[in-house]
Amino acid sequence: MCNQMPDWALAADDTLGGRMSLARDACGLSAEDAALLVAVPKQTWLSWENDRDEPDPAYLGEIADSLHISLAWLLSGRGIGPSWKGSEQSFASPKRSN
């Protein structure tokens, strides 16, 4: 039997690089285009996405803005995540009631 988790929960378990890649795909950007948006070489961007290196904290807000996601989602997988154009799918965390 397969235990399926909601999409937002999977994003929370992903790495920073994995969330960057997911959000970039949702925006329809190539790695080269995304790298241009934050003014880094394509290889630097790919190193971040593949978790071979991490972006300097000074880049995190710019990465989130460029990918149309919240900084919280980029860092933790919780918050406003990517949405696919023409789709209801989004990786935003559900609101919790107290």
Protein backbone atom coordinates (compact mmCIF):
# COMPACT_ATOMS: atom_id res chain seq x y z
CA MET A 1 0.00 0.00 0.00
CA CYS A 2 1.23 3.46 -0.87
CA ASN A 3 1.07 6.16 1.77
CA GLN A 4 0.63 9.44 -0.08
CA MET A 5 1.55 12.69 1.59
CA PRO A 6 0.10 16.04 0.47
CA ASP A 7 2.29 17.91 -2.00
CA TRP A 8 3.07 20.67 0.51
CA ALA A 9 4.41 18.09 2.97
CA LEU A 10 6.76 16.72 0.33
CA ALA A 11 8.12 20.21 -0.28
CA ALA A 12 8.81 20.58 3.44
CA ASP A 13 10.89 17.39 3.32
CA ASP A 14 12.81 18.56 0.25
CA THR A 15 16.14 20.38 0.30
CA LEU A 16 16.69 24.06 -0.41
CA GLY A 17 18.02 23.10 -3.83
CA GLY A 18 15.06 20.84 -4.50
CA ARG A 19 12.62 23.62 -3.67
CA MET A 20 14.55 26.02 -5.92
CA SER A 21 14.33 23.54 -8.78
CA LEU A 22 10.63 22.90 -8.19
CA ALA A 23 9.81 26.61 -8.09
CA ARG A 24 11.93 27.31 -11.18
CA ASP A 25 10.08 24.59 -13.09
CA ALA A 26 6.75 26.02 -11.98
CA CYS A 27 7.80 29.41 -13.39
CA GLY A 28 8.80 27.83 -16.68
CA LEU A 29 12.35 29.15 -16.37
CA SER A 30 15.53 27.49 -17.54
CA ALA A 31 18.42 27.32 -15.09
CA GLU A 32 20.18 29.90 -17.25
CA ASP A 33 17.22 32.30 -17.07
CA ALA A 34 16.91 31.88 -13.31
CA ALA A 35 20.63 32.51 -12.88
CA LEU A 36 20.36 35.69 -14.94
CA LEU A 37 17.54 36.95 -12.71
CA VAL A 38 19.81 36.84 -9.65
CA ALA A 39 22.99 37.73 -11.56
CA VAL A 40 24.98 34.56 -10.95
CA PRO A 41 26.58 32.14 -13.43
CA LYS A 42 24.41 29.23 -14.57
CA GLN A 43 26.86 26.77 -12.94
CA THR A 44 26.43 28.52 -9.60
CA TRP A 45 22.65 28.22 -9.86
CA LEU A 46 22.93 24.53 -10.77
CA SER A 47 25.27 23.95 -7.81
CA TRP A 48 22.59 25.41 -5.54
CA GLU A 49 19.80 23.34 -7.10
CA ASN A 50 21.86 20.17 -6.86
CA ASP A 51 22.83 20.88 -3.23
CA ARG A 52 26.53 20.99 -4.01
CA ASP A 53 26.63 24.51 -2.57
CA GLU A 54 24.21 26.89 -0.83
CA PRO A 55 23.41 30.44 -1.82
CA ASP A 56 24.85 33.20 0.29
CA PRO A 57 22.07 34.49 2.57
CA ALA A 58 22.19 37.80 0.69
CA TYR A 59 20.75 36.00 -2.37
CA LEU A 60 17.85 34.23 -0.66
CA GLY A 61 15.32 37.07 -0.82
CA GLU A 62 16.17 37.74 -4.45
CA ILE A 63 15.82 34.04 -5.32
CA ALA A 64 12.42 33.88 -3.62
CA ASP A 65 11.22 37.04 -5.38
CA SER A 66 12.48 35.81 -8.76
CA LEU A 67 10.65 32.49 -8.36
CA HIS A 68 7.44 34.08 -6.99
CA ILE A 69 7.59 32.20 -3.70
CA SER A 70 7.90 33.27 -0.09
CA LEU A 71 11.27 33.24 1.60
CA ALA A 72 9.74 30.98 4.26
CA TRP A 73 8.77 28.40 1.63
CA LEU A 74 12.20 28.55 0.03
CA LEU A 75 13.87 27.88 3.37
CA SER A 76 11.44 25.43 4.95
CA GLY A 77 8.81 24.30 2.46
CA ARG A 78 6.13 26.06 4.50
CA GLY A 79 4.52 29.23 3.27
CA ILE A 80 3.61 30.49 -0.18
CA GLY A 81 5.08 28.07 -2.66
CA PRO A 82 5.02 27.82 -6.43
CA SER A 83 1.91 27.48 -8.50
CA TRP A 84 1.68 26.21 -12.02
CA LYS A 85 0.08 28.49 -14.58
CA GLY A 86 -3.35 27.20 -15.57
CA SER A 87 -3.42 24.77 -12.66
CA GLU A 88 -4.92 24.69 -9.22
CA GLN A 89 -1.78 22.93 -7.97
CA SER A 90 0.25 24.83 -5.42
CA PHE A 91 2.77 23.85 -2.80
CA ALA A 92 1.55 26.34 -0.21
CA SER A 93 1.10 24.91 3.25
CA PRO A 94 -2.44 24.68 4.52
CA LYS A 95 -3.49 27.06 7.25
CA ARG A 96 -3.67 25.45 10.63
CA SER A 97 -6.50 26.12 13.00
CA ASN A 98 -5.77 26.40 16.70
